[in-house]
Amino acid sequence: MARPENRSEARALSLTLPIETFNYLALLALLEKPARTENEVATHILVREVYEMVERRFHEMRIPPPSDAGEGTI
């Protein structure tokens, strides 16, 4: 499972999730994919995604506004 290389550097985080998301984490935990508890599954997914974002340099990306910003909004 994706975890910090040095567990002593880990920090606690509390999340509030939509029930559908939590239920899916519970299903994955029940199937032990990729971990045994909802919290471990969420940790695995979050750490993996953050590492991928760092690799892709997501923090440096600029997302341009829509070309029709403010025009024709519904």
Protein backbone atom coordinates (compact mmCIF):
# COMPACT_ATOMS: atom_id res chain seq x y z
CA MET A 1 0.00 0.00 0.00
CA ALA A 2 1.21 3.52 -0.76
CA ARG A 3 2.42 5.09 2.46
CA PRO A 4 5.00 7.65 3.50
CA GLU A 5 8.48 6.12 3.39
CA ASN A 6 9.03 7.11 7.01
CA ARG A 7 5.90 6.41 9.07
CA SER A 8 7.09 8.85 11.75
CA GLU A 9 6.52 11.61 9.17
CA ALA A 10 2.84 10.68 8.73
CA ARG A 11 0.11 13.12 9.78
CA ALA A 12 -3.51 12.42 10.68
CA LEU A 13 -6.28 13.75 8.43
CA SER A 14 -10.02 13.60 8.92
CA LEU A 15 -12.37 13.45 5.91
CA THR A 16 -16.09 13.76 5.39
CA LEU A 17 -17.20 11.83 2.31
CA PRO A 18 -20.43 11.42 0.38
CA ILE A 19 -22.15 8.21 1.50
CA GLU A 20 -21.73 6.65 -1.95
CA THR A 21 -17.97 7.21 -1.78
CA PHE A 22 -17.75 5.75 1.72
CA ASN A 23 -19.83 2.74 0.68
CA TYR A 24 -17.48 2.09 -2.22
CA LEU A 25 -14.47 2.28 0.11
CA ALA A 26 -16.27 -0.19 2.38
CA LEU A 27 -16.80 -2.55 -0.58
CA LEU A 28 -13.12 -2.33 -1.53
CA ALA A 29 -12.14 -2.99 2.10
CA LEU A 30 -14.47 -5.99 2.24
CA LEU A 31 -12.75 -7.36 -0.86
CA GLU A 32 -9.36 -6.36 0.62
CA LYS A 33 -8.56 -4.31 -2.49
CA PRO A 34 -6.14 -2.64 -1.83
CA ALA A 35 -6.48 -2.78 1.98
CA ARG A 36 -8.61 -4.18 4.81
CA THR A 37 -10.36 -1.11 6.22
CA GLU A 38 -12.12 1.89 4.70
CA ASN A 39 -9.50 4.18 6.23
CA GLU A 40 -6.60 2.15 4.80
CA VAL A 41 -8.24 2.06 1.36
CA ALA A 42 -8.79 5.84 1.43
CA THR A 43 -5.20 6.40 2.58
CA HIS A 44 -3.85 4.22 -0.21
CA ILE A 45 -5.90 6.04 -2.88
CA LEU A 46 -5.13 9.52 -1.56
CA VAL A 47 -1.38 8.94 -1.21
CA ARG A 48 -1.20 7.34 -4.67
CA GLU A 49 -3.08 10.24 -6.27
CA VAL A 50 -0.99 12.91 -4.54
CA TYR A 51 2.26 11.22 -5.61
CA GLU A 52 0.96 11.13 -9.20
CA MET A 53 -0.05 14.81 -9.02
CA VAL A 54 3.44 15.73 -7.79
CA GLU A 55 5.02 13.68 -10.59
CA ARG A 56 2.85 15.44 -13.20
CA ARG A 57 3.71 18.79 -11.56
CA PHE A 58 -0.01 19.48 -11.14
CA HIS A 59 0.78 22.36 -8.78
CA GLU A 60 2.42 24.23 -11.66
CA MET A 61 -0.43 23.82 -14.13
CA ARG A 62 -2.57 26.78 -15.04
CA ILE A 63 -6.17 26.12 -15.97
CA PRO A 64 -7.37 28.83 -18.33
CA PRO A 65 -10.84 30.28 -17.83
CA PRO A 66 -13.47 29.27 -20.40
CA SER A 67 -13.13 31.32 -23.59
CA ASP A 68 -16.73 32.49 -23.20
CA ALA A 69 -16.35 33.46 -19.52
CA GLY A 70 -19.54 35.13 -18.39
CA GLU A 71 -21.28 34.85 -21.73
CA GLY A 72 -24.38 32.74 -22.17
CA THR A 73 -24.43 31.29 -18.68
CA ILE A 74 -27.50 29.32 -17.80
